[in-house]
Protein backbone atom coordinates (compact mmCIF):
# COMPACT_ATOMS: atom_id res chain seq x y z
CA MET A 1 0.20 -0.06 -0.10
CA ILE A 2 0.96 3.66 -0.79
CA LYS A 3 0.44 6.64 1.48
CA ARG A 4 1.87 10.20 2.40
CA ILE A 5 4.55 9.97 5.06
CA SER A 6 5.96 12.75 6.47
CA PRO A 7 9.72 13.87 5.69
CA GLU A 8 10.84 12.28 9.12
CA GLU A 9 9.34 8.82 7.93
CA THR A 10 11.72 8.39 4.74
CA TYR A 11 15.30 9.14 7.15
CA LEU A 12 15.67 5.43 7.70
CA LEU A 13 15.72 4.30 4.47
CA ARG A 14 17.63 7.30 2.82
CA ARG A 15 20.38 6.38 5.36
CA GLU A 16 19.85 2.67 4.72
CA ILE A 17 20.01 2.99 0.75
CA LEU A 18 20.71 6.54 -0.51
CA ARG A 19 23.58 8.00 2.02
CA LYS A 20 25.31 4.81 3.54
CA ASN A 21 28.51 5.43 5.51
CA LEU A 22 27.39 9.21 5.75
CA PRO A 23 26.97 11.23 8.39
CA GLN A 24 23.86 11.04 10.18
CA GLU A 25 22.76 14.51 9.49
CA SER A 26 23.04 13.39 5.84
CA HIS A 27 19.39 12.50 5.88
CA GLU A 28 17.33 15.62 5.54
CA PHE A 29 16.95 17.22 2.55
CA ASN A 30 16.62 20.79 1.59
CA GLY A 31 13.02 20.85 0.81
CA ASP A 32 11.54 18.38 2.82
CA PHE A 33 9.09 20.68 4.76
CA ASP A 34 8.15 23.16 2.22
CA ASP A 35 4.83 23.39 1.78
CA GLN A 36 4.88 22.18 -2.25
CA THR A 37 6.86 19.01 -1.06
CA PHE A 38 5.54 15.53 -0.38
CA HIS A 39 6.64 12.10 0.43
CA LEU A 40 5.04 8.72 -0.47
CA GLY A 41 5.65 5.81 1.39
CA TYR A 42 5.35 2.03 0.53
CA PHE A 43 4.28 -0.49 3.01
CA VAL A 44 4.13 -3.78 3.67
CA GLU A 45 2.03 -4.45 7.12
CA ASP A 46 3.20 -1.80 9.10
CA ARG A 47 6.66 -0.97 7.68
CA ILE A 48 8.11 1.17 5.08
CA VAL A 49 10.21 -0.64 2.56
CA GLY A 50 9.74 2.18 -0.33
CA ILE A 51 9.99 6.05 -0.52
CA ILE A 52 9.84 8.48 -2.88
CA THR A 53 9.82 12.29 -1.93
CA VAL A 54 8.88 14.80 -4.51
CA LEU A 55 9.63 18.79 -4.35
CA LYS A 56 6.83 21.09 -6.59
CA ASN A 57 7.80 24.27 -8.08
CA GLY A 58 5.16 25.62 -10.06
CA GLU A 59 4.77 23.48 -13.52
CA ILE A 60 7.85 21.38 -12.81
CA ALA A 61 8.56 18.78 -9.87
CA GLN A 62 11.76 17.15 -8.80
CA ILE A 63 11.78 13.83 -7.52
CA ARG A 64 14.63 13.06 -4.92
CA GLY A 65 15.18 10.34 -2.26
CA MET A 66 13.83 7.36 -4.33
CA ALA A 67 14.77 4.40 -2.50
CA VAL A 68 13.37 0.67 -1.70
CA SER A 69 14.78 -2.18 1.23
CA GLU A 70 17.41 -4.14 -0.12
CA ASP A 71 14.97 -6.79 1.14
CA TYR A 72 12.32 -5.66 -1.75
CA GLN A 73 13.89 -4.20 -4.49
CA GLY A 74 13.48 -6.31 -7.59
CA LYS A 75 9.60 -6.33 -6.90
CA GLY A 76 8.12 -3.50 -8.47
CA ILE A 77 7.64 -0.86 -5.47
CA GLY A 78 9.86 1.39 -7.09
CA LYS A 79 7.82 1.88 -10.17
CA LYS A 80 4.75 1.90 -8.25
CA LEU A 81 5.94 4.80 -6.19
CA VAL A 82 7.30 6.44 -9.41
CA GLU A 83 3.70 5.73 -10.82
CA LYS A 84 1.86 6.88 -8.08
CA ALA A 85 3.71 10.66 -7.57
CA GLU A 86 3.58 10.79 -11.55
CA GLU A 87 -0.23 10.76 -11.06
CA ILE A 88 -0.76 13.28 -8.48
CA LEU A 89 1.65 15.18 -10.19
CA ARG A 90 -0.50 14.98 -13.52
CA GLU A 91 -3.72 15.87 -10.89
CA ALA A 92 -1.38 19.48 -10.10
CA GLN A 93 -0.82 19.95 -13.80
CA ILE A 94 2.76 19.37 -13.66
CA GLN A 95 4.30 19.65 -17.22
CA LYS A 96 7.35 18.21 -16.23
CA ILE A 97 9.66 16.15 -13.83
CA TRP A 98 13.34 15.73 -13.54
CA MET A 99 15.88 14.21 -10.90
CA ASN A 100 19.92 13.63 -10.34
CA ALA A 101 19.44 9.89 -11.21
CA ARG A 102 22.13 7.94 -10.04
CA GLU A 103 23.69 6.22 -12.60
CA THR A 104 23.20 2.89 -12.00
CA ALA A 105 19.60 3.92 -11.66
CA ALA A 106 19.36 5.52 -15.20
CA GLU A 107 17.96 2.18 -16.70
CA PHE A 108 15.19 1.61 -14.08
CA TYR A 109 14.04 5.54 -15.17
CA GLU A 110 14.40 5.18 -19.05
CA LYS A 111 11.88 2.09 -18.64
CA LEU A 112 9.38 4.65 -17.17
CA GLY A 113 9.69 6.96 -20.16
CA TYR A 114 12.60 9.34 -18.55
CA LYS A 115 15.25 11.33 -20.89
CA ILE A 116 18.93 11.59 -19.64
CA GLU A 117 19.70 15.19 -20.08
CA GLY A 118 23.56 16.05 -20.48
CA GLU A 119 26.73 14.59 -19.61
CA LEU A 120 27.57 12.12 -16.80
CA PHE A 121 28.43 14.16 -13.69
CA ASN A 122 29.74 13.48 -9.82
CA ILE A 123 27.86 14.27 -6.69
CA LYS A 124 30.63 14.05 -4.59
CA PRO A 125 30.86 11.29 -2.08
CA ILE A 126 27.36 9.80 -3.15
CA GLY A 127 28.73 8.97 -7.37
CA PHE A 128 27.95 9.78 -10.53
CA HIS A 129 24.12 10.93 -11.74
CA TYR A 130 22.19 11.60 -14.82
CA VAL A 131 19.75 14.56 -15.17
CA MET A 132 16.63 12.79 -16.28
CA THR A 133 13.52 14.38 -17.38
CA LYS A 134 10.12 13.56 -18.35
CA TYR A 135 7.28 15.99 -19.56
CA PHE A 136 3.41 15.50 -19.59
CA ASN A 137 1.29 16.71 -22.49
CA SER A 138 -1.04 19.63 -21.18
């Protein structure tokens, strides 16, 4: 089941999956508490096993912090989270979604219709990323 969650509820998976071996404070993102930001969690029983954060700015939205627990990867949870976020964004009349996607996740996002824009770049100490985008028709 997917439902909206608080920013704080994303922190455990962010630390475990996205920010391994980084300082504790790195689990909070700029914009987590903005009015236009929303967070979704994928629940198995009472446990959050997948998360996604979406920051909206006018007709543009950014996906940040999409992660799935290692035990649940490869089961379609990430796809379901992205699709639910896109559904919410379409209703909000968002025209463009973008993200800094890890190099290792680019193929996953391409299968969901996102396109690489520009060259591979390094976000130290996290690793190599691509800017990826998806446009919705009006």
